[in-house]
Amino acid sequence: MKIHDAVVKMLDIVAQLQKTYPKKRFTLDGRLVGDLGEILAEEKYDITLYKKQTVLHDAETRDGRLVQIKATMQNGLTFPSDHVPNYYLGLKIHRDGRLEEIFNGPGALVWEIIKHRKPPKRHFHTVSLAMLRRADGLVKSEDRIHRK
């Protein structure tokens, strides 16, 4: 496959995703996985995505809890260095399309893991999935974002 043909096909897919899910842009500049993760989270969890992108949180639960959603297809997730989200939902999208919950709970639990780190240059720490899974084990059931 030639690069030109691949780009045309990807942009066609992006256009279809934008039409189906107008809340997200699905751009190929690094936001694609994040936007996919947010849409998948809205389909799976009892949350409503904000119509416009915001800095601190991506969605809200029915009972008013503010949620930041991060998704990856790799072995780490990002966590902000300049604020602590009220709730943090860390997800891994597998190559077969399966969505795996890595962390679901108060952002303060993740902050406890990384608060000693030197501030990164780009406003986000990278946290391994293994560390997030361990922290997830500390989350009380009442502190989780409920699934639909």
Protein backbone atom coordinates (compact mmCIF):
# COMPACT_ATOMS: atom_id res chain seq x y z
CA MET A 1 0.00 0.00 0.00
CA LYS A 2 1.31 3.45 -0.88
CA ILE A 3 1.33 6.19 1.76
CA HIS A 4 -0.97 8.37 -0.32
CA ASP A 5 -3.58 5.61 -0.56
CA ALA A 6 -3.33 4.88 3.18
CA VAL A 7 -3.80 8.56 4.09
CA VAL A 8 -6.84 8.85 1.82
CA LYS A 9 -8.40 5.76 3.43
CA MET A 10 -7.65 6.96 6.97
CA LEU A 11 -9.13 10.38 6.24
CA ASP A 12 -12.24 8.72 4.83
CA ILE A 13 -12.59 6.71 8.03
CA VAL A 14 -12.06 9.87 10.10
CA ALA A 15 -14.81 11.64 8.12
CA GLN A 16 -17.18 8.74 8.78
CA LEU A 17 -16.33 8.76 12.51
CA GLN A 18 -16.86 12.54 12.67
CA LYS A 19 -20.27 12.19 11.05
CA THR A 20 -21.31 9.39 13.41
CA TYR A 21 -19.83 10.97 16.57
CA PRO A 22 -19.90 14.76 16.06
CA LYS A 23 -18.63 15.47 19.61
CA LYS A 24 -15.12 14.39 18.57
CA ARG A 25 -12.72 15.33 15.76
CA PHE A 26 -10.72 12.05 15.40
CA THR A 27 -7.78 13.89 13.82
CA LEU A 28 -4.74 11.88 12.80
CA ASP A 29 -2.38 14.24 14.63
CA GLY A 30 -2.22 12.24 17.84
CA ARG A 31 -5.77 12.72 19.05
CA LEU A 32 -7.27 9.72 17.30
CA VAL A 33 -6.72 7.16 20.07
CA GLY A 34 -7.86 9.65 22.72
CA ASP A 35 -11.04 10.49 20.85
CA LEU A 36 -11.77 6.81 20.23
CA GLY A 37 -11.25 6.13 23.94
CA GLU A 38 -13.64 8.89 24.94
CA ILE A 39 -16.38 7.63 22.61
CA LEU A 40 -15.90 4.04 23.80
CA ALA A 41 -16.01 5.25 27.41
CA GLU A 42 -19.26 7.13 26.82
CA GLU A 43 -20.77 3.99 25.29
CA LYS A 44 -19.63 1.77 28.18
CA TYR A 45 -19.88 4.02 31.26
CA ASP A 46 -22.58 6.19 32.77
CA ILE A 47 -20.99 9.44 31.59
CA THR A 48 -21.75 12.21 29.13
CA LEU A 49 -18.89 13.71 27.15
CA TYR A 50 -18.61 17.47 26.99
CA LYS A 51 -19.41 18.84 23.55
CA LYS A 52 -16.19 20.87 23.47
CA GLN A 53 -12.71 19.84 24.57
CA THR A 54 -11.78 21.16 28.01
CA VAL A 55 -8.45 21.15 29.83
CA LEU A 56 -9.43 19.58 33.14
CA HIS A 57 -12.13 16.99 32.45
CA ASP A 58 -13.72 15.25 29.46
CA ALA A 59 -17.06 14.09 30.84
CA GLU A 60 -19.50 14.14 33.73
CA THR A 61 -21.47 11.41 35.45
CA ARG A 62 -25.19 11.67 36.02
CA ASP A 63 -24.52 12.52 39.68
CA GLY A 64 -22.12 15.35 38.74
CA ARG A 65 -18.70 13.73 39.14
CA LEU A 66 -16.13 15.16 36.74
CA VAL A 67 -14.10 12.60 34.77
CA GLN A 68 -10.88 12.79 32.78
CA ILE A 69 -10.52 9.98 30.25
CA LYS A 70 -7.21 8.77 28.89
CA ALA A 71 -6.76 5.98 26.36
CA THR A 72 -3.76 4.20 24.93
CA MET A 73 -2.82 1.36 22.65
CA GLN A 74 0.62 1.14 24.29
CA ASN A 75 1.91 0.30 27.79
CA GLY A 76 1.44 3.64 29.51
CA LEU A 77 -1.17 6.33 30.05
CA THR A 78 -0.73 10.03 30.59
CA PHE A 79 -1.72 11.88 33.75
CA PRO A 80 -1.69 15.69 34.05
CA SER A 81 1.10 17.39 35.96
CA ASP A 82 -0.70 20.69 36.44
CA HIS A 83 -3.93 19.49 38.10
CA VAL A 84 -5.49 16.41 39.66
CA PRO A 85 -8.70 15.31 37.92
CA ASN A 86 -11.61 14.53 40.21
CA TYR A 87 -11.99 11.10 38.60
CA TYR A 88 -9.66 9.39 36.17
CA LEU A 89 -10.64 6.68 33.74
CA GLY A 90 -7.61 5.01 32.12
CA LEU A 91 -8.36 2.66 29.24
CA LYS A 92 -6.39 0.46 26.87
CA ILE A 93 -7.70 -0.18 23.38
CA HIS A 94 -6.41 -3.52 22.12
CA ARG A 95 -5.67 -4.20 18.47
CA ASP A 96 -8.76 -6.43 18.26
CA GLY A 97 -10.93 -3.47 19.36
CA ARG A 98 -11.43 -4.74 22.89
CA LEU A 99 -11.49 -2.06 25.60
CA GLU A 100 -9.71 -2.82 28.88
CA GLU A 101 -10.26 -0.77 32.01
CA ILE A 102 -6.88 -0.06 33.60
CA PHE A 103 -7.86 2.49 36.24
CA ASN A 104 -11.27 3.74 37.33
CA GLY A 105 -11.38 5.98 40.38
CA PRO A 106 -10.36 9.23 42.05
CA GLY A 107 -7.51 11.04 40.36
CA ALA A 108 -5.95 11.62 43.80
CA LEU A 109 -4.97 7.92 43.96
CA VAL A 110 -2.95 8.24 40.77
CA TRP A 111 -1.45 11.53 41.96
CA GLU A 112 -0.11 9.75 45.05
CA ILE A 113 1.94 7.51 42.74
CA ILE A 114 3.53 10.33 40.75
CA LYS A 115 3.57 13.39 43.01
CA HIS A 116 7.27 12.97 43.76
CA ARG A 117 8.24 13.09 40.07
CA LYS A 118 9.92 16.03 38.43
CA PRO A 119 7.38 18.04 36.38
CA PRO A 120 7.51 16.98 32.72
CA LYS A 121 8.06 19.42 29.87
CA ARG A 122 4.74 18.70 28.17
CA HIS A 123 2.31 18.87 31.14
CA PHE A 124 1.70 15.11 31.31
CA HIS A 125 3.38 12.32 33.23
CA THR A 126 3.48 8.87 31.68
CA VAL A 127 2.35 6.18 34.10
CA SER A 128 2.82 2.49 33.34
CA LEU A 129 -0.25 0.32 33.03
CA ALA A 130 1.19 -1.96 35.73
CA MET A 131 1.35 0.93 38.23
CA LEU A 132 -2.18 2.02 37.35
CA ARG A 133 -3.52 -1.52 37.73
CA ARG A 134 -2.00 -1.70 41.22
CA ALA A 135 -3.57 1.64 42.15
CA ASP A 136 -6.89 0.47 40.72
CA GLY A 137 -6.86 -2.34 43.25
CA LEU A 138 -7.14 0.31 45.99
CA VAL A 139 -10.32 1.91 44.60
CA LYS A 140 -13.48 1.35 46.62
CA SER A 141 -16.50 0.21 44.61
CA GLU A 142 -18.43 3.39 45.50
CA ASP A 143 -15.57 5.47 44.06
CA ARG A 144 -15.76 3.93 40.60
CA ILE A 145 -17.48 5.38 37.55
CA HIS A 146 -20.42 3.05 36.97
CA ARG A 147 -20.87 1.11 33.76
CA LYS A 148 -24.12 1.31 31.84
